[in-house]
Amino acid sequence: MSGAEAVAILGIISSIVSIVDGAKQVYDAASNAESLPEAFREVATRLPIVQDILNSAGRYIEGGGADEDVCKGAKAVLKSCEVKVLKLKKLFEEVIPADGSSRMKKYLSAVKTLGKGSRVESLMKGVLMDVQLLAVEHGMVTETDQYGDQLAKAIREVADLPASLPGHAADDTGFTASHSGSGHIYQLQGEQFNNTGSRHTYHAQTMTFGSNEKDKAQACLSALFQTLGTDPRDDRNKITQRKGTRVIGTCTWITSHEIYESWLGSHSGLLYLSGGPGKGKTMLSILLTEEFERIAENSPDVVFLEYFCNNEDEKRRTADGIIRG
């Protein structure tokens, strides 16, 4: 192993494994874990797979399997994962040691403090998806097939868990006041304190100012189109120019594969293609976009949208960049 990026990645992996281990210890020490919300129990049983895959990734890097570019691409994924596991451990520490009567109260308070998306099942799903991206997309795990199936199954199961908190309860942050119309507008979330003198004092978690709904809509549109995105068709052509055209007869196997045919005939769902670098994912994707274009042209009720992400291009690696495209 060599290189600053590889050393940094190993440090983050070690940190995440340690945090996850701390969360496991909190759960294992609970005297009445069976009375916890179902989501806590289900999440706790899936913590070991996170540790196993990260440890495998660490061994892969130490063995020199990942170059600096791969490590750079994986660093952002791992930092995001680290934030989530820290929140997860915080929830475990706040909720699990409490007695049964106060657990939900403490859980709700902790979720509000940590912010949106901090339900235990939401955090775990995010962690599993980060680890999946690390293992499959960045190819940092040698046992990709073994862990790929386990991760996909774990993500589905966590996604299917009932909400551990009602949506309105988790999103409510206390006092909310809004006013629209002419004049000054204040929209606050959090606590509000007005003094009894001639002036007003506001203390809030967040405060936004606007004039009316039309202005808000205009501001949203301006933000969306202030920087033009890339045209996905141009991106596809550039990829073809850079990598070369697909050899005739290759990649077409996927259109007759039973999994693809089943997905194409369904009304919804995700078709996920995974593989290490250089395995042909891009060429398969180009073939499928061409195939979907033909389907859309002959089917008036089908709308086809495509986008090619690229973590090396700032315009093609963000959510707003995808929307603009």
Protein backbone atom coordinates (compact mmCIF):
# COMPACT_ATOMS: atom_id res chain seq x y z
CA MET A 1 0.00 0.00 0.00
CA SER A 2 1.24 3.50 -0.79
CA GLY A 3 -0.15 6.96 -1.38
CA ALA A 4 -1.77 9.60 0.78
CA GLU A 5 -5.28 8.81 -0.46
CA ALA A 6 -4.95 5.13 0.43
CA VAL A 7 -3.76 6.01 3.93
CA ALA A 8 -6.65 8.44 4.37
CA ILE A 9 -9.16 5.85 3.18
CA LEU A 10 -7.84 3.26 5.63
CA GLY A 11 -8.19 5.79 8.44
CA ILE A 12 -11.84 6.44 7.58
CA ILE A 13 -12.57 2.72 7.27
CA SER A 14 -10.99 2.09 10.68
CA SER A 15 -13.08 4.89 12.17
CA ILE A 16 -16.35 3.55 10.73
CA VAL A 17 -15.63 -0.02 11.89
CA SER A 18 -14.89 1.30 15.39
CA ILE A 19 -18.10 3.36 15.49
CA VAL A 20 -20.19 0.42 14.30
CA ASP A 21 -18.55 -1.79 16.92
CA GLY A 22 -19.47 0.78 19.57
CA ALA A 23 -23.11 0.72 18.43
CA LYS A 24 -23.10 -3.09 18.56
CA GLN A 25 -21.74 -3.04 22.11
CA VAL A 26 -24.51 -0.68 23.22
CA TYR A 27 -27.13 -3.02 21.75
CA ASP A 28 -25.52 -6.19 23.13
CA ALA A 29 -25.41 -4.67 26.61
CA ALA A 30 -29.16 -3.94 26.62
CA SER A 31 -31.01 -6.00 29.19
CA ASN A 32 -34.38 -5.77 27.45
CA ALA A 33 -33.59 -5.38 23.75
CA GLU A 34 -36.76 -7.26 22.84
CA SER A 35 -38.83 -4.24 23.92
CA LEU A 36 -37.02 -1.93 21.52
CA PRO A 37 -38.77 -0.71 18.34
CA GLU A 38 -38.47 -3.36 15.61
CA ALA A 39 -36.24 -1.12 13.50
CA PHE A 40 -33.54 -1.04 16.19
CA ARG A 41 -33.43 -4.83 16.40
CA GLU A 42 -33.37 -5.26 12.63
CA VAL A 43 -30.64 -2.65 12.19
CA ALA A 44 -28.51 -4.20 14.95
CA THR A 45 -28.56 -7.61 13.24
CA ARG A 46 -27.19 -6.05 10.04
CA LEU A 47 -24.28 -4.17 11.55
CA PRO A 48 -21.86 -7.13 11.15
CA ILE A 49 -22.17 -7.14 7.34
CA VAL A 50 -21.08 -3.49 7.32
CA GLN A 51 -18.01 -4.36 9.38
CA ASP A 52 -17.19 -7.42 7.28
CA ILE A 53 -17.27 -5.52 3.99
CA LEU A 54 -15.30 -2.56 5.30
CA ASN A 55 -12.66 -4.88 6.76
CA SER A 56 -12.47 -6.65 3.41
CA ALA A 57 -12.07 -3.28 1.67
CA GLY A 58 -9.28 -2.40 4.09
CA ARG A 59 -7.41 -5.60 3.26
CA TYR A 60 -7.90 -4.92 -0.45
CA ILE A 61 -6.33 -1.47 -0.12
CA GLU A 62 -3.48 -2.69 2.08
CA GLY A 63 -2.72 -5.32 -0.53
CA GLY A 64 -2.27 -2.62 -3.18
CA GLY A 65 -5.46 -3.44 -5.05
CA ALA A 66 -6.72 0.15 -5.20
CA ASP A 67 -4.85 2.94 -6.98
CA GLU A 68 -5.02 6.61 -6.00
CA ASP A 69 -7.86 7.42 -8.41
CA VAL A 70 -10.04 4.63 -7.02
CA CYS A 71 -9.30 5.80 -3.48
CA LYS A 72 -10.23 9.38 -4.36
CA GLY A 73 -13.57 8.22 -5.75
CA ALA A 74 -14.30 6.12 -2.67
CA LYS A 75 -13.32 8.78 -0.14
CA ALA A 76 -16.52 10.83 -0.48
CA VAL A 77 -18.63 7.67 -0.14
CA LEU A 78 -16.83 6.68 3.05
CA LYS A 79 -17.09 10.17 4.57
CA SER A 80 -20.84 10.10 3.94
CA CYS A 81 -21.04 6.65 5.52
CA GLU A 82 -19.07 7.85 8.56
CA VAL A 83 -21.57 10.66 9.19
CA LYS A 84 -24.46 8.19 9.10
CA VAL A 85 -22.89 5.64 11.45
CA LEU A 86 -22.06 8.41 13.94
CA LYS A 87 -25.74 9.38 13.98
CA LEU A 88 -26.73 5.72 14.26
CA LYS A 89 -24.46 5.21 17.26
CA LYS A 90 -25.85 8.37 18.84
CA LEU A 91 -29.39 7.01 18.51
CA PHE A 92 -28.35 3.68 20.04
CA GLU A 93 -26.67 5.46 22.97
CA GLU A 94 -29.66 7.72 23.58
CA VAL A 95 -32.45 5.17 23.23
CA ILE A 96 -31.30 1.65 24.10
CA PRO A 97 -30.11 2.20 27.70
CA ALA A 98 -33.36 4.02 28.62
CA ASP A 99 -36.24 2.19 30.27
CA GLY A 100 -39.19 1.14 28.16
CA SER A 101 -41.46 4.01 29.09
CA SER A 102 -39.05 6.73 28.03
CA ARG A 103 -37.42 5.13 24.99
CA MET A 104 -39.78 6.55 22.37
CA LYS A 105 -39.63 9.99 23.95
CA LYS A 106 -35.83 9.94 23.89
CA TYR A 107 -35.85 8.53 20.34
CA LEU A 108 -38.10 11.30 19.05
CA SER A 109 -35.97 13.94 20.77
CA ALA A 110 -32.76 12.48 19.33
CA VAL A 111 -34.18 12.30 15.78
CA LYS A 112 -35.27 15.94 15.97
CA THR A 113 -31.80 16.93 17.17
CA LEU A 114 -30.00 14.98 14.44
CA GLY A 115 -32.27 16.32 11.69
CA LYS A 116 -34.29 14.96 8.79
CA GLY A 117 -33.54 11.47 7.59
CA SER A 118 -32.31 10.38 11.03
CA ARG A 119 -34.73 7.57 11.75
CA VAL A 120 -32.70 4.49 12.59
CA GLU A 121 -33.94 2.55 9.53
CA SER A 122 -33.24 5.48 7.17
CA LEU A 123 -29.68 5.81 8.44
CA MET A 124 -29.05 2.08 8.13
CA LYS A 125 -30.39 1.97 4.58
CA GLY A 126 -28.03 4.84 3.70
CA VAL A 127 -25.08 3.06 5.30
CA LEU A 128 -25.81 -0.16 3.41
CA MET A 129 -26.12 1.72 0.12
CA ASP A 130 -22.81 3.51 0.76
CA VAL A 131 -21.12 0.17 1.47
CA GLN A 132 -22.73 -1.32 -1.63
CA LEU A 133 -21.35 1.53 -3.73
CA LEU A 134 -17.91 0.98 -2.22
CA ALA A 135 -17.94 -2.77 -2.82
CA VAL A 136 -19.61 -2.96 -6.21
CA GLU A 137 -19.00 0.31 -8.03
CA HIS A 138 -15.50 1.02 -6.70
CA GLY A 139 -14.55 -2.67 -6.68
CA MET A 140 -12.87 -2.53 -3.28
CA VAL A 141 -14.03 -5.97 -2.17
CA THR A 142 -12.68 -9.20 -3.61
CA GLU A 143 -15.77 -11.22 -2.61
CA THR A 144 -18.06 -8.97 -4.69
CA ASP A 145 -20.57 -11.67 -5.66
CA GLN A 146 -20.95 -12.93 -2.09
CA TYR A 147 -21.38 -9.51 -0.52
CA GLY A 148 -23.35 -8.06 -3.42
CA ASP A 149 -26.24 -10.47 -2.86
CA GLN A 150 -26.15 -9.99 0.92
CA LEU A 151 -26.19 -6.21 0.59
CA ALA A 152 -29.01 -6.15 -1.95
CA LYS A 153 -31.10 -8.38 0.34
CA ALA A 154 -30.30 -6.30 3.43
CA ILE A 155 -31.20 -3.04 1.66
CA ARG A 156 -34.56 -4.45 0.52
CA GLU A 157 -35.36 -5.73 4.00
CA VAL A 158 -34.46 -2.48 5.74
CA ALA A 159 -36.42 -0.47 3.16
CA ASP A 160 -39.49 -2.63 3.88
CA LEU A 161 -39.38 -2.02 7.64
CA PRO A 162 -42.34 -0.10 9.06
CA ALA A 163 -41.49 3.47 10.02
CA SER A 164 -40.06 3.58 13.53
CA LEU A 165 -41.61 7.03 13.97
CA PRO A 166 -44.63 8.63 12.30
CA GLY A 167 -43.58 11.02 9.54
CA HIS A 168 -45.20 14.08 11.10
CA ALA A 169 -43.64 13.35 14.48
CA ALA A 170 -40.10 13.07 13.14
CA ASP A 171 -40.34 16.13 10.91
CA ASP A 172 -41.97 18.39 13.49
CA THR A 173 -39.34 20.65 15.02
CA GLY A 174 -41.57 22.61 17.36
CA PHE A 175 -43.06 26.01 16.63
CA THR A 176 -43.71 26.91 13.01
CA ALA A 177 -45.13 30.23 11.86
CA SER A 178 -45.59 31.51 8.32
CA HIS A 179 -47.18 34.52 6.70
CA SER A 180 -47.69 35.37 3.03
CA GLY A 181 -48.85 38.51 1.33
CA SER A 182 -47.52 42.02 1.00
CA GLY A 183 -44.98 43.42 3.39
CA HIS A 184 -42.43 41.51 5.40
CA ILE A 185 -42.66 37.76 5.58
CA TYR A 186 -41.17 35.58 8.28
CA GLN A 187 -41.09 31.82 8.15
CA LEU A 188 -39.61 30.27 11.25
CA GLN A 189 -38.98 26.84 12.65
CA GLY A 190 -37.99 26.35 16.23
CA GLU A 191 -38.74 28.48 19.29
CA GLN A 192 -39.85 32.09 19.04
CA PHE A 193 -39.41 34.63 21.81
CA ASN A 194 -41.00 38.07 21.67
CA ASN A 195 -40.00 40.62 24.28
CA THR A 196 -42.58 42.91 25.82
CA GLY A 197 -40.88 46.17 24.89
CA SER A 198 -41.09 48.17 21.70
CA ARG A 199 -39.04 45.72 19.66
CA HIS A 200 -39.26 42.01 18.83
CA THR A 201 -36.60 39.38 19.28
CA TYR A 202 -36.69 36.12 17.36
CA HIS A 203 -34.70 32.99 18.14
CA ALA A 204 -35.14 30.22 15.58
CA GLN A 205 -33.38 27.13 14.26
CA THR A 206 -33.90 28.35 10.69
CA MET A 207 -35.37 31.50 9.18
CA THR A 208 -36.19 32.14 5.53
CA PHE A 209 -37.51 35.28 3.88
CA GLY A 210 -39.58 35.70 0.72
CA SER A 211 -42.47 37.69 -0.64
CA ASN A 212 -45.11 35.26 -1.94
CA GLU A 213 -45.62 31.86 -3.51
CA LYS A 214 -45.05 33.18 -7.03
CA ASP A 215 -41.68 34.64 -6.05
CA LYS A 216 -40.71 31.39 -4.36
CA ALA A 217 -41.55 29.44 -7.50
CA GLN A 218 -39.56 31.89 -9.61
CA ALA A 219 -36.59 31.65 -7.25
CA CYS A 220 -36.74 27.86 -7.52
CA LEU A 221 -36.77 27.97 -11.32
CA SER A 222 -33.90 30.47 -11.35
CA ALA A 223 -31.84 28.22 -9.10
CA LEU A 224 -32.60 25.24 -11.32
CA PHE A 225 -31.59 26.90 -14.59
CA GLN A 226 -28.97 29.41 -13.44
CA THR A 227 -26.28 27.00 -14.58
CA LEU A 228 -27.18 24.90 -17.56
CA GLY A 229 -26.66 21.21 -17.17
CA THR A 230 -25.17 18.93 -19.75
CA ASP A 231 -27.20 17.29 -22.50
CA PRO A 232 -27.27 13.52 -21.79
CA ARG A 233 -27.19 12.76 -25.52
CA ASP A 234 -24.00 14.79 -25.89
CA ASP A 235 -22.55 13.00 -22.88
CA ARG A 236 -23.29 9.64 -24.45
CA ASN A 237 -21.66 10.67 -27.73
CA LYS A 238 -18.58 11.91 -25.88
CA ILE A 239 -18.27 8.60 -24.05
CA THR A 240 -18.46 6.76 -27.36
CA GLN A 241 -15.82 9.04 -28.88
CA ARG A 242 -13.54 8.55 -25.90
CA LYS A 243 -13.97 4.80 -25.38
CA GLY A 244 -14.78 3.77 -28.92
CA THR A 245 -17.93 2.33 -30.40
CA ARG A 246 -19.40 -0.94 -29.22
CA VAL A 247 -18.30 -3.95 -31.23
CA ILE A 248 -21.26 -5.23 -33.22
CA GLY A 249 -22.78 -8.28 -31.61
CA THR A 250 -21.48 -7.57 -28.10
CA CYS A 251 -23.65 -6.63 -25.11
CA THR A 252 -26.85 -7.72 -26.88
CA TRP A 253 -27.07 -10.78 -24.62
CA ILE A 254 -28.66 -8.62 -21.93
CA THR A 255 -31.79 -7.94 -23.99
CA SER A 256 -32.67 -11.64 -23.92
CA HIS A 257 -31.65 -12.26 -20.32
CA GLU A 258 -34.55 -13.47 -18.16
CA ILE A 259 -33.93 -10.86 -15.44
CA TYR A 260 -33.95 -8.03 -17.98
CA GLU A 261 -37.07 -9.37 -19.69
CA SER A 262 -38.84 -9.69 -16.34
CA TRP A 263 -37.87 -6.14 -15.37
CA LEU A 264 -38.91 -4.74 -18.76
CA GLY A 265 -42.33 -6.33 -18.40
CA SER A 266 -42.91 -4.96 -14.91
CA HIS A 267 -44.50 -1.61 -14.11
CA SER A 268 -41.82 -0.45 -11.69
CA GLY A 269 -38.54 -1.47 -10.14
CA LEU A 270 -34.82 -1.06 -10.43
CA LEU A 271 -32.53 -2.85 -12.86
CA TYR A 272 -29.11 -2.67 -11.25
CA LEU A 273 -26.00 -3.51 -13.27
CA SER A 274 -22.86 -3.98 -11.21
CA GLY A 275 -19.29 -4.91 -11.92
CA GLY A 276 -15.73 -3.85 -11.38
CA PRO A 277 -13.84 -1.30 -13.50
CA GLY A 278 -13.52 -2.23 -17.17
CA LYS A 279 -16.17 -4.95 -17.07
CA GLY A 280 -18.42 -3.30 -19.67
CA LYS A 281 -21.03 -1.46 -17.60
CA THR A 282 -20.77 1.69 -19.72
CA MET A 283 -21.17 -0.13 -23.04
CA LEU A 284 -24.12 -2.08 -21.67
CA SER A 285 -25.70 1.18 -20.53
CA ILE A 286 -25.20 2.78 -23.94
CA LEU A 287 -26.78 -0.22 -25.63
CA LEU A 288 -29.76 -0.07 -23.27
CA THR A 289 -30.30 3.67 -23.77
CA GLU A 290 -30.39 3.08 -27.52
CA GLU A 291 -32.83 0.22 -27.00
CA PHE A 292 -35.07 2.32 -24.73
CA GLU A 293 -35.09 5.17 -27.24
CA ARG A 294 -36.45 2.79 -29.88
CA ILE A 295 -39.09 1.51 -27.45
CA ALA A 296 -40.16 5.07 -26.55
CA GLU A 297 -40.40 6.09 -30.23
CA ASN A 298 -42.83 3.25 -30.92
CA SER A 299 -44.83 3.58 -27.70
CA PRO A 300 -46.67 6.90 -27.19
CA ASP A 301 -47.31 6.11 -23.51
CA VAL A 302 -43.59 5.61 -22.72
CA VAL A 303 -41.32 8.47 -21.66
CA PHE A 304 -37.60 7.78 -21.64
CA LEU A 305 -35.08 9.83 -19.64
CA GLU A 306 -31.35 9.11 -19.49
CA TYR A 307 -28.40 10.54 -17.64
CA PHE A 308 -24.76 9.49 -17.47
CA CYS A 309 -23.15 10.33 -14.12
CA ASN A 310 -19.41 10.90 -13.80
CA ASN A 311 -17.70 11.47 -10.44
CA GLU A 312 -14.85 13.26 -12.21
CA ASP A 313 -17.16 15.92 -13.71
CA GLU A 314 -18.65 18.42 -11.25
CA LYS A 315 -21.69 19.01 -13.50
CA ARG A 316 -22.46 15.30 -13.70
CA ARG A 317 -22.09 14.06 -10.13
CA THR A 318 -24.71 16.06 -8.19
CA ALA A 319 -28.48 15.76 -7.80
CA ASP A 320 -29.15 19.24 -9.19
CA GLY A 321 -26.84 18.49 -12.12
CA ILE A 322 -28.93 15.41 -12.96
CA ILE A 323 -32.17 17.43 -12.77
CA ARG A 324 -30.74 20.17 -14.99
CA GLY A 325 -29.61 17.55 -17.48
